Amino acid sequence: MLATAKRGKVATLVRMPKELFEAVRERAFRERRSINALLVEATSRYMEQERPAPTPDLKARILAAIAAINRQVRRFGLVTLPELRAALEDVDRATLDAALLELGAERQVQLVPHDHVATLSPEERAACVRDPLGQWLFWVRQIEDHAGKGGSEGGSR
């Protein structure tokens, strides 16, 4: 599901599961606010948080770890965040989260929410990254256009 959050002349396209969109729509109705206002508020709060700046070296390490895990597990390119955190255990959570979100914004990786968060163990839930809309991002996938640039072998299938 796609929704657009507009602030002045700037519009941001937000991709979200249908269930999350329905929850936002219900909250907007309940609070007598527009969906746009809720999306702008959530995005603004999220963007105002201070995060450490990831280094290019860390980004390369993340992409290499995704490729290495994918070669071992073979799950259609999807790697769980618990697996990735274990592979990069020397990187603190805030730094890794910031790097993943930046890689997502740069369209080098895709962060995918878990469809059934209730089925996750407390440890798995703790490993998730929360996005501005409160989604539990559990999977990460290297985007094919960048597969050859981040340490994976080959790049095409």
N, C-alpha and C. Protein backbone atom coordinates (compact mmCIF):
# COMPACT_ATOMS: atom_id res chain seq x y z
N MET A 1 0.85 -1.17 0.00
CA MET A 1 0.00 0.00 0.00
C MET A 1 0.90 1.22 0.00
N LEU A 2 0.59 2.20 -0.80
CA LEU A 2 1.37 3.43 -0.85
C LEU A 2 0.53 4.58 -0.32
N ALA A 3 1.16 5.44 0.47
CA ALA A 3 0.52 6.65 0.96
C ALA A 3 1.49 7.79 0.76
N THR A 4 0.98 8.99 0.61
CA THR A 4 1.82 10.15 0.40
C THR A 4 1.69 11.09 1.59
N ALA A 5 2.83 11.49 2.15
CA ALA A 5 2.85 12.49 3.22
C ALA A 5 3.40 13.77 2.62
N LYS A 6 2.63 14.86 2.71
CA LYS A 6 3.06 16.13 2.13
C LYS A 6 3.34 17.15 3.23
N ARG A 7 4.47 17.82 3.11
CA ARG A 7 4.82 18.93 4.00
C ARG A 7 5.20 20.08 3.09
N GLY A 8 4.33 21.07 3.00
CA GLY A 8 4.58 22.16 2.07
C GLY A 8 4.57 21.62 0.65
N LYS A 9 5.68 21.88 -0.07
CA LYS A 9 5.79 21.41 -1.44
C LYS A 9 6.49 20.07 -1.55
N VAL A 10 6.92 19.52 -0.40
CA VAL A 10 7.66 18.26 -0.42
C VAL A 10 6.71 17.11 -0.14
N ALA A 11 6.73 16.12 -0.99
CA ALA A 11 5.90 14.93 -0.80
C ALA A 11 6.80 13.72 -0.63
N THR A 12 6.45 12.89 0.32
CA THR A 12 7.19 11.65 0.56
C THR A 12 6.24 10.49 0.34
N LEU A 13 6.67 9.56 -0.47
CA LEU A 13 5.87 8.37 -0.73
C LEU A 13 6.23 7.34 0.33
N VAL A 14 5.24 6.84 1.03
CA VAL A 14 5.45 5.89 2.12
C VAL A 14 4.83 4.56 1.73
N ARG A 15 5.64 3.50 1.77
CA ARG A 15 5.14 2.16 1.47
C ARG A 15 4.84 1.48 2.79
N MET A 16 3.64 0.91 2.90
CA MET A 16 3.26 0.25 4.15
C MET A 16 2.29 -0.88 3.85
N PRO A 17 2.28 -1.88 4.75
CA PRO A 17 1.31 -2.96 4.57
C PRO A 17 -0.11 -2.42 4.70
N LYS A 18 -1.04 -3.08 4.05
CA LYS A 18 -2.43 -2.64 4.07
C LYS A 18 -2.96 -2.55 5.50
N GLU A 19 -2.56 -3.50 6.36
CA GLU A 19 -3.03 -3.50 7.75
C GLU A 19 -2.56 -2.25 8.48
N LEU A 20 -1.32 -1.85 8.23
CA LEU A 20 -0.79 -0.65 8.88
C LEU A 20 -1.51 0.59 8.37
N PHE A 21 -1.77 0.64 7.06
CA PHE A 21 -2.50 1.77 6.51
C PHE A 21 -3.89 1.86 7.13
N GLU A 22 -4.54 0.73 7.28
CA GLU A 22 -5.87 0.72 7.91
C GLU A 22 -5.80 1.23 9.34
N ALA A 23 -4.74 0.84 10.08
CA ALA A 23 -4.58 1.31 11.46
C ALA A 23 -4.36 2.82 11.50
N VAL A 24 -3.56 3.33 10.56
CA VAL A 24 -3.33 4.78 10.49
C VAL A 24 -4.63 5.49 10.15
N ARG A 25 -5.38 4.91 9.21
CA ARG A 25 -6.65 5.53 8.81
C ARG A 25 -7.64 5.56 9.98
N GLU A 26 -7.70 4.45 10.74
CA GLU A 26 -8.58 4.40 11.91
C GLU A 26 -8.16 5.43 12.96
N ARG A 27 -6.85 5.54 13.20
CA ARG A 27 -6.36 6.52 14.19
C ARG A 27 -6.69 7.94 13.73
N ALA A 28 -6.51 8.20 12.43
CA ALA A 28 -6.82 9.53 11.90
C ALA A 28 -8.30 9.85 12.12
N PHE A 29 -9.17 8.88 11.87
CA PHE A 29 -10.60 9.08 12.06
C PHE A 29 -10.92 9.31 13.54
N ARG A 30 -10.31 8.48 14.40
CA ARG A 30 -10.56 8.57 15.84
C ARG A 30 -10.10 9.92 16.41
N GLU A 31 -8.96 10.41 15.94
CA GLU A 31 -8.42 11.67 16.45
C GLU A 31 -8.86 12.88 15.62
N ARG A 32 -9.70 12.63 14.62
CA ARG A 32 -10.19 13.69 13.72
C ARG A 32 -9.03 14.48 13.11
N ARG A 33 -8.05 13.72 12.60
CA ARG A 33 -6.89 14.31 11.94
C ARG A 33 -6.75 13.66 10.57
N SER A 34 -5.98 14.29 9.72
CA SER A 34 -5.78 13.71 8.39
C SER A 34 -4.70 12.63 8.45
N ILE A 35 -4.79 11.70 7.54
CA ILE A 35 -3.76 10.67 7.42
C ILE A 35 -2.42 11.35 7.14
N ASN A 36 -2.45 12.36 6.29
CA ASN A 36 -1.23 13.09 5.97
C ASN A 36 -0.59 13.66 7.22
N ALA A 37 -1.38 14.25 8.12
CA ALA A 37 -0.82 14.85 9.34
C ALA A 37 -0.14 13.79 10.20
N LEU A 38 -0.75 12.62 10.31
CA LEU A 38 -0.15 11.55 11.10
C LEU A 38 1.16 11.07 10.47
N LEU A 39 1.18 10.91 9.16
CA LEU A 39 2.39 10.46 8.48
C LEU A 39 3.50 11.49 8.60
N VAL A 40 3.17 12.76 8.43
CA VAL A 40 4.18 13.82 8.57
C VAL A 40 4.72 13.86 9.99
N GLU A 41 3.84 13.74 10.97
CA GLU A 41 4.26 13.75 12.36
C GLU A 41 5.21 12.59 12.67
N ALA A 42 4.84 11.40 12.24
CA ALA A 42 5.68 10.22 12.49
C ALA A 42 7.02 10.34 11.79
N THR A 43 7.02 10.80 10.56
CA THR A 43 8.25 10.96 9.81
C THR A 43 9.12 12.04 10.43
N SER A 44 8.52 13.15 10.85
CA SER A 44 9.28 14.24 11.46
C SER A 44 9.95 13.79 12.74
N ARG A 45 9.20 13.11 13.61
CA ARG A 45 9.77 12.62 14.87
C ARG A 45 10.95 11.70 14.59
N TYR A 46 10.77 10.85 13.60
CA TYR A 46 11.80 9.89 13.26
C TYR A 46 13.06 10.58 12.73
N MET A 47 12.88 11.54 11.84
CA MET A 47 14.01 12.22 11.22
C MET A 47 14.74 13.12 12.21
N GLU A 48 14.08 13.59 13.26
CA GLU A 48 14.71 14.47 14.24
C GLU A 48 15.57 13.70 15.24
N GLN A 49 15.42 12.39 15.32
CA GLN A 49 16.24 11.60 16.23
C GLN A 49 17.70 11.68 15.78
N GLU A 50 18.59 11.81 16.75
CA GLU A 50 20.01 11.82 16.42
C GLU A 50 20.50 10.39 16.28
N ARG A 51 21.26 10.17 15.21
CA ARG A 51 21.82 8.85 14.95
C ARG A 51 23.28 9.02 14.59
N PRO A 52 24.10 8.05 14.94
CA PRO A 52 25.49 8.13 14.50
C PRO A 52 25.58 8.00 12.99
N ALA A 53 26.53 8.69 12.40
CA ALA A 53 26.70 8.62 10.95
C ALA A 53 27.47 7.36 10.59
N PRO A 54 26.87 6.49 9.77
CA PRO A 54 27.58 5.27 9.38
C PRO A 54 28.71 5.59 8.41
N THR A 55 29.77 4.84 8.51
CA THR A 55 30.92 5.02 7.63
C THR A 55 30.74 4.17 6.37
N PRO A 56 31.40 4.57 5.27
CA PRO A 56 31.33 3.73 4.06
C PRO A 56 31.84 2.32 4.32
N ASP A 57 32.85 2.19 5.22
CA ASP A 57 33.38 0.88 5.55
C ASP A 57 32.31 0.01 6.21
N LEU A 58 31.51 0.59 7.10
CA LEU A 58 30.45 -0.17 7.76
C LEU A 58 29.40 -0.60 6.75
N LYS A 59 29.05 0.29 5.84
CA LYS A 59 28.07 -0.07 4.81
C LYS A 59 28.57 -1.24 3.97
N ALA A 60 29.84 -1.22 3.62
CA ALA A 60 30.42 -2.32 2.85
C ALA A 60 30.41 -3.61 3.66
N ARG A 61 30.70 -3.52 4.95
CA ARG A 61 30.67 -4.71 5.81
C ARG A 61 29.25 -5.28 5.89
N ILE A 62 28.25 -4.40 5.98
CA ILE A 62 26.86 -4.86 6.04
C ILE A 62 26.49 -5.59 4.76
N LEU A 63 26.80 -5.00 3.62
CA LEU A 63 26.48 -5.62 2.34
C LEU A 63 27.21 -6.95 2.17
N ALA A 64 28.46 -7.01 2.62
CA ALA A 64 29.22 -8.26 2.54
C ALA A 64 28.62 -9.32 3.46
N ALA A 65 28.18 -8.91 4.65
CA ALA A 65 27.56 -9.87 5.59
C ALA A 65 26.25 -10.39 5.03
N ILE A 66 25.46 -9.52 4.42
CA ILE A 66 24.19 -9.96 3.81
C ILE A 66 24.48 -11.00 2.73
N ALA A 67 25.48 -10.71 1.89
CA ALA A 67 25.82 -11.64 0.81
C ALA A 67 26.32 -12.98 1.37
N ALA A 68 27.15 -12.93 2.41
CA ALA A 68 27.69 -14.16 2.99
C ALA A 68 26.58 -15.00 3.62
N ILE A 69 25.70 -14.37 4.36
CA ILE A 69 24.59 -15.10 4.99
C ILE A 69 23.68 -15.68 3.91
N ASN A 70 23.43 -14.90 2.87
CA ASN A 70 22.57 -15.37 1.79
C ASN A 70 23.16 -16.58 1.08
N ARG A 71 24.48 -16.60 0.93
CA ARG A 71 25.12 -17.76 0.30
C ARG A 71 24.94 -19.01 1.16
N GLN A 72 24.92 -18.84 2.48
CA GLN A 72 24.78 -19.98 3.39
C GLN A 72 23.33 -20.45 3.49
N VAL A 73 22.41 -19.49 3.61
CA VAL A 73 21.02 -19.82 3.92
C VAL A 73 20.16 -20.01 2.68
N ARG A 74 20.40 -19.25 1.64
CA ARG A 74 19.62 -19.33 0.39
C ARG A 74 18.12 -19.16 0.63
N ARG A 75 17.75 -17.98 1.07
CA ARG A 75 16.35 -17.69 1.37
C ARG A 75 15.86 -16.56 0.45
N PHE A 76 16.04 -16.75 -0.86
CA PHE A 76 15.59 -15.77 -1.87
C PHE A 76 16.14 -14.38 -1.59
N GLY A 77 17.34 -14.30 -1.06
CA GLY A 77 17.97 -13.01 -0.81
C GLY A 77 17.61 -12.38 0.52
N LEU A 78 16.68 -12.97 1.24
CA LEU A 78 16.26 -12.40 2.51
C LEU A 78 17.15 -12.88 3.65
N VAL A 79 17.59 -11.95 4.46
CA VAL A 79 18.41 -12.23 5.64
C VAL A 79 17.67 -11.63 6.83
N THR A 80 17.59 -12.37 7.93
CA THR A 80 16.92 -11.82 9.10
C THR A 80 17.86 -10.87 9.82
N LEU A 81 17.29 -9.89 10.50
CA LEU A 81 18.12 -8.97 11.27
C LEU A 81 18.84 -9.66 12.42
N PRO A 82 18.23 -10.68 13.09
CA PRO A 82 19.02 -11.40 14.10
C PRO A 82 20.28 -12.03 13.50
N GLU A 83 20.18 -12.60 12.29
CA GLU A 83 21.35 -13.18 11.63
C GLU A 83 22.40 -12.10 11.33
N LEU A 84 21.93 -10.96 10.83
CA LEU A 84 22.84 -9.88 10.48
C LEU A 84 23.51 -9.31 11.72
N ARG A 85 22.73 -9.12 12.79
CA ARG A 85 23.32 -8.59 14.03
C ARG A 85 24.37 -9.55 14.59
N ALA A 86 24.10 -10.85 14.49
CA ALA A 86 25.08 -11.84 14.97
C ALA A 86 26.37 -11.78 14.15
N ALA A 87 26.24 -11.57 12.84
CA ALA A 87 27.42 -11.49 11.97
C ALA A 87 28.22 -10.22 12.22
N LEU A 88 27.55 -9.18 12.71
CA LEU A 88 28.21 -7.89 12.95
C LEU A 88 28.10 -7.52 14.43
N GLU A 89 28.39 -8.48 15.29
CA GLU A 89 28.18 -8.29 16.72
C GLU A 89 29.06 -7.21 17.34
N ASP A 90 30.14 -6.80 16.65
CA ASP A 90 31.00 -5.74 17.17
C ASP A 90 30.42 -4.35 16.93
N VAL A 91 29.36 -4.24 16.14
CA VAL A 91 28.74 -2.95 15.82
C VAL A 91 27.56 -2.73 16.76
N ASP A 92 27.55 -1.56 17.44
CA ASP A 92 26.44 -1.31 18.38
C ASP A 92 25.13 -1.11 17.61
N ARG A 93 24.05 -1.34 18.32
CA ARG A 93 22.71 -1.36 17.71
C ARG A 93 22.37 -0.06 16.99
N ALA A 94 22.58 1.08 17.64
CA ALA A 94 22.20 2.37 17.05
C ALA A 94 22.96 2.62 15.75
N THR A 95 24.24 2.30 15.74
CA THR A 95 25.05 2.51 14.54
C THR A 95 24.60 1.59 13.41
N LEU A 96 24.35 0.32 13.73
CA LEU A 96 23.90 -0.62 12.71
C LEU A 96 22.52 -0.23 12.18
N ASP A 97 21.61 0.16 13.07
CA ASP A 97 20.28 0.58 12.63
C ASP A 97 20.37 1.78 11.70
N ALA A 98 21.19 2.78 12.08
CA ALA A 98 21.35 3.97 11.24
C ALA A 98 21.92 3.61 9.88
N ALA A 99 22.90 2.72 9.87
CA ALA A 99 23.51 2.32 8.60
C ALA A 99 22.50 1.58 7.72
N LEU A 100 21.71 0.69 8.33
CA LEU A 100 20.69 -0.04 7.56
C LEU A 100 19.65 0.91 6.97
N LEU A 101 19.20 1.86 7.78
CA LEU A 101 18.21 2.81 7.28
C LEU A 101 18.78 3.69 6.18
N GLU A 102 20.05 4.05 6.32
CA GLU A 102 20.68 4.85 5.27
C GLU A 102 20.85 4.03 3.99
N LEU A 103 21.27 2.78 4.13
CA LEU A 103 21.37 1.91 2.96
C LEU A 103 20.00 1.74 2.30
N GLY A 104 18.95 1.68 3.11
CA GLY A 104 17.60 1.60 2.57
C GLY A 104 17.22 2.86 1.82
N ALA A 105 17.56 4.02 2.40
CA ALA A 105 17.26 5.29 1.74
C ALA A 105 18.04 5.44 0.44
N GLU A 106 19.24 4.85 0.39
CA GLU A 106 20.06 4.90 -0.82
C GLU A 106 19.66 3.82 -1.83
N ARG A 107 18.66 3.02 -1.49
CA ARG A 107 18.14 1.95 -2.33
C ARG A 107 19.19 0.87 -2.62
N GLN A 108 20.07 0.64 -1.63
CA GLN A 108 21.04 -0.45 -1.76
C GLN A 108 20.49 -1.72 -1.10
N VAL A 109 19.64 -1.53 -0.09
CA VAL A 109 18.97 -2.66 0.54
C VAL A 109 17.50 -2.34 0.69
N GLN A 110 16.73 -3.37 0.87
CA GLN A 110 15.31 -3.22 1.15
C GLN A 110 15.07 -3.81 2.54
N LEU A 111 14.50 -3.02 3.42
CA LEU A 111 14.13 -3.48 4.75
C LEU A 111 12.67 -3.89 4.69
N VAL A 112 12.40 -5.12 5.08
CA VAL A 112 11.07 -5.69 4.90
C VAL A 112 10.45 -5.97 6.27
N PRO A 113 9.21 -5.49 6.49
CA PRO A 113 8.56 -5.77 7.78
C PRO A 113 8.12 -7.22 7.89
N HIS A 114 8.03 -7.68 9.11
CA HIS A 114 7.51 -9.02 9.38
C HIS A 114 5.99 -8.96 9.33
N ASP A 115 5.37 -9.91 8.67
CA ASP A 115 3.92 -9.89 8.51
C ASP A 115 3.17 -10.27 9.78
N HIS A 116 3.78 -11.08 10.61
CA HIS A 116 3.10 -11.58 11.80
C HIS A 116 4.01 -11.41 13.02
N VAL A 117 4.10 -10.18 13.50
CA VAL A 117 5.01 -9.85 14.59
C VAL A 117 4.70 -10.67 15.84
N ALA A 118 3.46 -11.03 16.03
CA ALA A 118 3.08 -11.80 17.23
C ALA A 118 3.76 -13.17 17.27
N THR A 119 4.20 -13.67 16.13
CA THR A 119 4.86 -14.98 16.10
C THR A 119 6.35 -14.89 16.41
N LEU A 120 6.89 -13.69 16.50
CA LEU A 120 8.31 -13.53 16.79
C LEU A 120 8.60 -13.76 18.27
N SER A 121 9.75 -14.34 18.54
CA SER A 121 10.18 -14.49 19.93
C SER A 121 10.60 -13.11 20.45
N PRO A 122 10.68 -12.94 21.76
CA PRO A 122 11.14 -11.64 22.30
C PRO A 122 12.52 -11.25 21.76
N GLU A 123 13.40 -12.23 21.58
CA GLU A 123 14.74 -11.95 21.05
C GLU A 123 14.68 -11.46 19.61
N GLU A 124 13.82 -12.12 18.81
CA GLU A 124 13.67 -11.71 17.42
C GLU A 124 13.05 -10.31 17.32
N ARG A 125 12.07 -10.05 18.15
CA ARG A 125 11.43 -8.74 18.15
C ARG A 125 12.43 -7.66 18.56
N ALA A 126 13.28 -7.98 19.53
CA ALA A 126 14.29 -7.02 19.98
C ALA A 126 15.30 -6.72 18.88
N ALA A 127 15.52 -7.64 17.97
CA ALA A 127 16.47 -7.44 16.88
C ALA A 127 15.90 -6.61 15.74
N CYS A 128 14.59 -6.40 15.72
CA CYS A 128 13.96 -5.64 14.64
C CYS A 128 14.36 -4.17 14.70
N VAL A 129 14.26 -3.53 13.55
CA VAL A 129 14.40 -2.08 13.45
C VAL A 129 12.99 -1.54 13.34
N ARG A 130 12.67 -0.50 14.09
CA ARG A 130 11.35 0.13 13.98
C ARG A 130 11.45 1.32 13.04
N ASP A 131 10.53 1.40 12.10
CA ASP A 131 10.53 2.52 11.18
C ASP A 131 9.63 3.63 11.71
N PRO A 132 9.57 4.78 11.03
CA PRO A 132 8.78 5.91 11.54
C PRO A 132 7.30 5.59 11.76
N LEU A 133 6.79 4.60 11.05
CA LEU A 133 5.37 4.27 11.18
C LEU A 133 5.13 3.13 12.16
N GLY A 134 6.18 2.68 12.82
CA GLY A 134 6.04 1.65 13.84
C GLY A 134 6.08 0.22 13.31
N GLN A 135 6.44 0.05 12.04
CA GLN A 135 6.56 -1.30 11.50
C GLN A 135 7.77 -1.99 12.11
N TRP A 136 7.69 -3.31 12.26
CA TRP A 136 8.79 -4.11 12.76
C TRP A 136 9.56 -4.64 11.55
N LEU A 137 10.66 -4.00 11.21
CA LEU A 137 11.46 -4.42 10.07
C LEU A 137 12.34 -5.59 10.50
N PHE A 138 12.14 -6.75 9.90
CA PHE A 138 12.76 -7.99 10.34
C PHE A 138 13.70 -8.58 9.29
N TRP A 139 13.42 -8.33 8.04
CA TRP A 139 14.19 -8.89 6.93
C TRP A 139 14.96 -7.78 6.23
N VAL A 140 16.10 -8.14 5.67
CA VAL A 140 16.84 -7.20 4.82
C VAL A 140 17.27 -7.96 3.57
N ARG A 141 17.19 -7.27 2.45
CA ARG A 141 17.54 -7.88 1.17
C ARG A 141 18.36 -6.87 0.38
N GLN A 142 19.46 -7.33 -0.17
CA GLN A 142 20.26 -6.45 -1.01
C GLN A 142 19.54 -6.28 -2.33
N ILE A 143 19.39 -5.05 -2.77
CA ILE A 143 18.70 -4.78 -4.03
C ILE A 143 19.60 -5.19 -5.18
N GLU A 144 19.05 -5.88 -6.14
CA GLU A 144 19.80 -6.50 -7.23
C GLU A 144 20.73 -5.54 -7.97
N ASP A 145 20.29 -4.29 -8.18
CA ASP A 145 21.12 -3.34 -8.91
C ASP A 145 22.45 -3.10 -8.20
N HIS A 146 22.47 -3.34 -6.88
CA HIS A 146 23.66 -3.09 -6.09
C HIS A 146 24.34 -4.37 -5.64
N ALA A 147 23.86 -5.51 -6.08
CA ALA A 147 24.39 -6.78 -5.59
C ALA A 147 25.87 -6.94 -5.92
N GLY A 148 26.33 -6.42 -7.01
CA GLY A 148 27.74 -6.54 -7.36
C GLY A 148 28.62 -5.52 -6.67
N LYS A 149 28.04 -4.51 -6.03
CA LYS A 149 28.82 -3.43 -5.44
C LYS A 149 29.08 -3.61 -3.96
N GLY A 150 28.40 -4.54 -3.30
CA GLY A 150 28.51 -4.58 -1.86
C GLY A 150 29.21 -5.79 -1.31
N GLY A 151 29.91 -6.51 -2.11
CA GLY A 151 30.65 -7.63 -1.58
C GLY A 151 30.07 -8.99 -1.96
N SER A 152 28.92 -9.00 -2.61
CA SER A 152 28.40 -10.31 -3.01
C SER A 152 29.08 -10.71 -4.31
N GLU A 153 29.22 -11.96 -4.52
CA GLU A 153 29.86 -12.44 -5.72
C GLU A 153 28.85 -12.52 -6.85
N GLY A 154 29.28 -12.18 -8.01
CA GLY A 154 28.38 -12.30 -9.15
C GLY A 154 27.59 -11.04 -9.36
N GLY A 155 26.43 -10.95 -8.81
CA GLY A 155 25.58 -9.80 -8.97
C GLY A 155 24.36 -10.12 -9.81
N SER A 156 24.46 -11.09 -10.69
CA SER A 156 23.28 -11.48 -11.46
C SER A 156 23.04 -12.95 -11.28
N ARG A 157 21.81 -13.35 -11.48
CA ARG A 157 21.46 -14.76 -11.30
C ARG A 157 20.95 -15.34 -12.57
